[in-house]
Amino acid sequence: MIRIENISKTYQKGTQTVSALREVSVDIPAGSFYALVGRSGSGKSTLLQMIGGLDRPTGGHVWVELPKEQDLATLSRDDLALYRRRHVGFIFQAFNLLPTLTVLENILVPVVPEKKRCQEKHAFALELLRQFELKERAEHLPAELSGGEQQRVAIARALINDPDVILADEPTGELDTQTAAVIVGLLKKLNSEGKTIVLATHDLGLARQAAKLVHLEDGKIVRMERNPVATT
């Protein structure tokens, strides 16, 4: 369970104070598939960053189970880093692969800080490549891959630590329709296997693949909508 309780986020832009989130509250059950929907600037990416421990709210709380419930705002920088590494997988629109590392090396990046675990995860990384039909690409550089292949590598990287939660920020934004459908299929499969998926998108068609849609506007939740077609 992820419990978001009255979180706000403000920051300075020159002389102006910008409110990215305004007292947002939502519960995301374990194993669910939620979509955060809204235009650019609505607050959906900021909300993902709060859930992922990439930023701290100005006010309010983000409670997560580690395994007991804890407020992310109370964790130290080291504990937040451990939370991100062990419990959260991130997927970004721009893939964020390191251009000088091979596909296999990119997948193993999240476990590099723990050398022993990096060695243990090598076989799992190869298995992920096999599952995603990328094993022949293991020693290739990102520039040698198509956009869809790069995003599959990014998903494999997000899974290398077997996280409880997958956070996907516009994961199909740079992909063609056919390739985007493959990525959505992978996310739905991960959800069916028990992963909690939180997806941020401005694409309502993509959002309707989720079980629940959370519509944001100007940093506030304006509507929540259950998808009767989804099973999670």
Protein backbone atom coordinates (compact mmCIF):
# COMPACT_ATOMS: atom_id res chain seq x y z
CA MET A 1 0.00 0.00 0.00
CA ILE A 2 1.12 3.53 -0.84
CA ARG A 3 -0.80 6.13 1.16
CA ILE A 4 -0.49 9.73 0.01
CA GLU A 5 -1.86 12.13 2.58
CA ASN A 6 -2.43 15.84 1.85
CA ILE A 7 0.90 16.35 0.09
CA SER A 8 1.83 19.72 -1.34
CA LYS A 9 4.91 20.78 -3.25
CA THR A 10 5.98 24.34 -3.90
CA TYR A 11 9.15 25.69 -5.44
CA GLN A 12 10.57 29.03 -6.48
CA LYS A 13 10.70 30.04 -10.13
CA GLY A 14 12.46 33.38 -10.11
CA THR A 15 10.37 35.60 -7.84
CA GLN A 16 7.28 33.41 -8.20
CA THR A 17 6.19 30.58 -5.93
CA VAL A 18 4.84 27.70 -8.01
CA SER A 19 2.50 25.10 -6.51
CA ALA A 20 3.19 21.80 -8.26
CA LEU A 21 0.93 19.80 -5.91
CA ARG A 22 -1.91 21.07 -3.71
CA GLU A 23 -3.02 18.82 -0.82
CA VAL A 24 -3.18 15.63 -2.86
CA SER A 25 -4.48 12.48 -1.14
CA VAL A 26 -4.83 9.02 -2.70
CA ASP A 27 -4.34 5.41 -1.61
CA ILE A 28 -2.69 3.00 -4.06
CA PRO A 29 -3.20 -0.62 -2.97
CA ALA A 30 -0.40 -3.14 -3.42
CA GLY A 31 -0.63 -4.95 -6.76
CA SER A 32 -2.84 -2.32 -8.38
CA PHE A 33 -2.41 -0.47 -11.69
CA TYR A 34 -3.05 3.29 -11.41
CA ALA A 35 -2.70 5.96 -14.09
CA LEU A 36 -2.02 9.60 -13.25
CA VAL A 37 -3.61 11.59 -16.06
CA GLY A 38 -3.20 15.24 -16.95
CA ARG A 39 -1.65 17.80 -19.23
CA SER A 40 1.94 19.00 -18.89
CA GLY A 41 2.22 20.92 -15.63
CA SER A 42 -0.71 19.15 -13.97
CA GLY A 43 1.52 17.64 -11.26
CA LYS A 44 1.54 14.00 -12.35
CA SER A 45 5.33 13.72 -12.73
CA THR A 46 5.87 15.54 -9.44
CA LEU A 47 3.55 13.05 -7.74
CA LEU A 48 5.55 10.16 -9.21
CA GLN A 49 8.74 11.72 -7.84
CA MET A 50 7.19 11.89 -4.37
CA ILE A 51 6.16 8.22 -4.49
CA GLY A 52 9.63 7.27 -5.70
CA GLY A 53 11.45 9.24 -3.03
CA LEU A 54 13.17 11.41 -5.64
CA ASP A 55 11.86 14.57 -3.98
CA ARG A 56 10.28 15.51 -0.67
CA PRO A 57 6.90 17.20 -0.29
CA THR A 58 6.65 20.69 1.15
CA GLY A 59 3.79 19.43 3.28
CA GLY A 60 1.91 16.20 3.90
CA HIS A 61 3.06 12.58 3.97
CA VAL A 62 3.83 9.65 1.67
CA TRP A 63 3.46 6.41 3.61
CA VAL A 64 4.92 3.18 2.21
CA GLU A 65 5.35 -0.32 3.62
CA LEU A 66 9.04 -1.23 4.16
CA PRO A 67 7.64 -3.73 5.32
CA LYS A 68 6.11 -1.71 8.16
CA GLU A 69 4.51 1.59 7.19
CA GLN A 70 6.92 4.53 7.13
CA ASP A 71 6.72 8.16 6.08
CA LEU A 72 9.27 8.83 3.30
CA ALA A 73 9.76 12.36 4.64
CA THR A 74 11.31 10.92 7.83
CA LEU A 75 13.93 8.81 6.03
CA SER A 76 17.55 9.91 5.74
CA ARG A 77 19.16 10.39 2.34
CA ASP A 78 20.85 7.00 2.63
CA ASP A 79 17.61 5.27 3.60
CA LEU A 80 15.78 6.97 0.73
CA ALA A 81 18.46 5.76 -1.67
CA LEU A 82 18.05 2.23 -0.31
CA TYR A 83 14.25 2.51 -0.65
CA ARG A 84 14.60 3.52 -4.30
CA ARG A 85 17.14 0.79 -5.02
CA ARG A 86 15.30 -2.05 -3.30
CA HIS A 87 11.61 -1.20 -3.67
CA VAL A 88 11.06 1.01 -6.73
CA GLY A 89 11.72 0.58 -10.45
CA PHE A 90 11.73 3.71 -12.61
CA ILE A 91 10.83 3.86 -16.32
CA PHE A 92 11.23 7.19 -18.14
CA GLN A 93 10.07 8.58 -21.47
CA ALA A 94 13.63 9.29 -22.61
CA PHE A 95 14.92 5.81 -21.56
CA ASN A 96 17.89 7.37 -19.70
CA LEU A 97 20.31 4.63 -20.75
CA LEU A 98 24.01 5.35 -20.34
CA PRO A 99 25.41 5.61 -23.88
CA THR A 100 28.87 4.20 -23.15
CA LEU A 101 27.58 1.08 -21.36
CA THR A 102 26.35 -2.07 -23.04
CA VAL A 103 22.74 -3.23 -22.73
CA LEU A 104 23.74 -5.73 -20.02
CA GLU A 105 25.76 -3.13 -18.12
CA ASN A 106 22.85 -0.66 -18.25
CA ILE A 107 20.51 -3.22 -16.72
CA LEU A 108 22.95 -3.82 -13.87
CA VAL A 109 23.44 -0.11 -13.04
CA PRO A 110 20.98 -0.11 -10.07
CA VAL A 111 22.97 -2.84 -8.27
CA VAL A 112 26.44 -1.38 -8.88
CA PRO A 113 26.57 0.23 -5.38
CA GLU A 114 26.38 -3.27 -3.88
CA LYS A 115 29.16 -5.25 -5.57
CA LYS A 116 28.14 -8.64 -4.17
CA ARG A 117 24.54 -8.21 -5.32
CA CYS A 118 25.78 -7.07 -8.74
CA GLN A 119 27.53 -10.40 -9.19
CA GLU A 120 24.45 -12.29 -7.99
CA LYS A 121 22.16 -10.36 -10.36
CA HIS A 122 24.18 -11.05 -13.53
CA ALA A 123 22.25 -14.24 -14.30
CA PHE A 124 18.93 -12.53 -13.60
CA ALA A 125 19.84 -9.72 -16.01
CA LEU A 126 20.49 -12.28 -18.74
CA GLU A 127 17.16 -13.94 -17.95
CA LEU A 128 15.36 -10.58 -18.28
CA LEU A 129 17.04 -10.06 -21.65
CA ARG A 130 15.83 -13.48 -22.72
CA GLN A 131 12.27 -12.76 -21.59
CA PHE A 132 12.28 -9.44 -23.45
CA GLU A 133 13.78 -11.03 -26.57
CA LEU A 134 16.97 -8.97 -26.25
CA LYS A 135 19.56 -11.61 -25.35
CA GLU A 136 21.36 -11.18 -28.68
CA ARG A 137 21.67 -7.46 -27.88
CA ALA A 138 23.42 -7.90 -24.51
CA GLU A 139 26.77 -6.50 -25.69
CA HIS A 140 25.33 -3.77 -27.91
CA LEU A 141 25.36 -0.07 -27.04
CA PRO A 142 22.03 1.81 -26.68
CA ALA A 143 22.63 3.74 -29.93
CA GLU A 144 22.54 0.44 -31.81
CA LEU A 145 19.00 -0.32 -30.62
CA SER A 146 15.59 0.84 -31.81
CA GLY A 147 13.44 3.00 -29.52
CA GLY A 148 11.30 0.03 -28.54
CA GLU A 149 14.36 -2.06 -27.74
CA GLN A 150 15.80 0.75 -25.62
CA GLN A 151 12.58 1.02 -23.64
CA ARG A 152 12.56 -2.74 -23.06
CA VAL A 153 16.12 -2.43 -21.73
CA ALA A 154 14.91 0.38 -19.45
CA ILE A 155 12.11 -1.86 -18.15
CA ALA A 156 14.59 -4.68 -17.53
CA ARG A 157 16.77 -2.21 -15.61
CA ALA A 158 13.72 -1.23 -13.54
CA LEU A 159 13.14 -4.89 -12.69
CA ILE A 160 16.70 -5.96 -11.83
CA ASN A 161 16.14 -5.52 -8.07
CA ASP A 162 12.69 -7.17 -8.20
CA PRO A 163 10.95 -4.01 -6.91
CA ASP A 164 7.46 -3.92 -5.43
CA VAL A 165 6.52 -0.77 -7.34
CA ILE A 166 7.09 0.30 -10.96
CA LEU A 167 6.83 4.04 -11.68
CA ALA A 168 6.49 4.85 -15.38
CA ASP A 169 6.61 8.48 -16.55
CA GLU A 170 5.26 8.77 -20.13
CA PRO A 171 6.92 5.43 -21.02
CA THR A 172 5.51 5.36 -24.57
CA GLY A 173 5.87 9.07 -25.37
CA GLU A 174 8.73 8.59 -27.85
CA LEU A 175 7.48 5.35 -29.42
CA ASP A 176 5.30 4.57 -32.42
CA THR A 177 1.83 3.11 -31.82
CA GLN A 178 2.78 -0.51 -32.47
CA THR A 179 5.86 -0.41 -30.26
CA ALA A 180 3.92 1.46 -27.56
CA ALA A 181 1.40 -1.39 -27.50
CA VAL A 182 4.23 -3.85 -26.79
CA ILE A 183 5.43 -1.74 -23.85
CA VAL A 184 1.89 -1.44 -22.46
CA GLY A 185 1.56 -5.22 -22.76
CA LEU A 186 4.73 -5.66 -20.71
CA LEU A 187 3.43 -3.33 -17.99
CA LYS A 188 0.12 -5.18 -17.82
CA LYS A 189 1.95 -8.50 -17.58
CA LEU A 190 4.08 -7.18 -14.71
CA ASN A 191 0.92 -6.02 -12.95
CA SER A 192 -0.66 -9.47 -13.41
CA GLU A 193 2.43 -10.90 -11.68
CA GLY A 194 1.80 -8.73 -8.62
CA LYS A 195 3.78 -5.56 -9.28
CA THR A 196 2.20 -2.24 -8.36
CA ILE A 197 2.22 -0.02 -11.45
CA VAL A 198 1.82 3.77 -11.31
CA LEU A 199 1.82 5.33 -14.76
CA ALA A 200 1.90 9.06 -15.57
CA THR A 201 0.58 10.07 -18.97
CA HIS A 202 -1.32 12.72 -20.88
CA ASP A 203 -2.62 10.02 -23.25
CA LEU A 204 -6.11 9.01 -22.16
CA GLY A 205 -6.03 5.93 -24.38
CA LEU A 206 -2.91 4.69 -22.61
CA ALA A 207 -4.33 5.61 -19.20
CA ARG A 208 -7.40 3.45 -19.84
CA GLN A 209 -5.16 0.37 -19.72
CA ALA A 210 -5.01 0.93 -15.96
CA ALA A 211 -7.59 -0.19 -13.40
CA LYS A 212 -7.98 3.29 -11.93
CA LEU A 213 -7.43 6.74 -13.41
CA VAL A 214 -6.46 9.71 -11.25
CA HIS A 215 -7.07 12.95 -13.13
CA LEU A 216 -4.90 15.90 -12.09
CA GLU A 217 -5.20 19.55 -12.99
CA ASP A 218 -3.12 22.45 -11.62
CA GLY A 219 -1.64 20.23 -8.93
CA LYS A 220 -4.95 18.90 -7.65
CA ILE A 221 -6.90 15.68 -8.08
CA VAL A 222 -10.07 16.72 -9.88
CA ARG A 223 -11.54 13.28 -10.52
CA MET A 224 -10.92 9.59 -9.92
CA GLU A 225 -12.29 7.00 -12.31
CA ARG A 226 -12.40 3.22 -12.12
CA ASN A 227 -11.89 1.31 -15.37
CA PRO A 228 -14.54 -1.44 -15.43
CA VAL A 229 -12.64 -3.34 -18.16
CA ALA A 230 -9.47 -3.76 -16.07
CA THR A 231 -9.32 -6.59 -13.57
CA THR A 232 -6.85 -5.13 -11.04
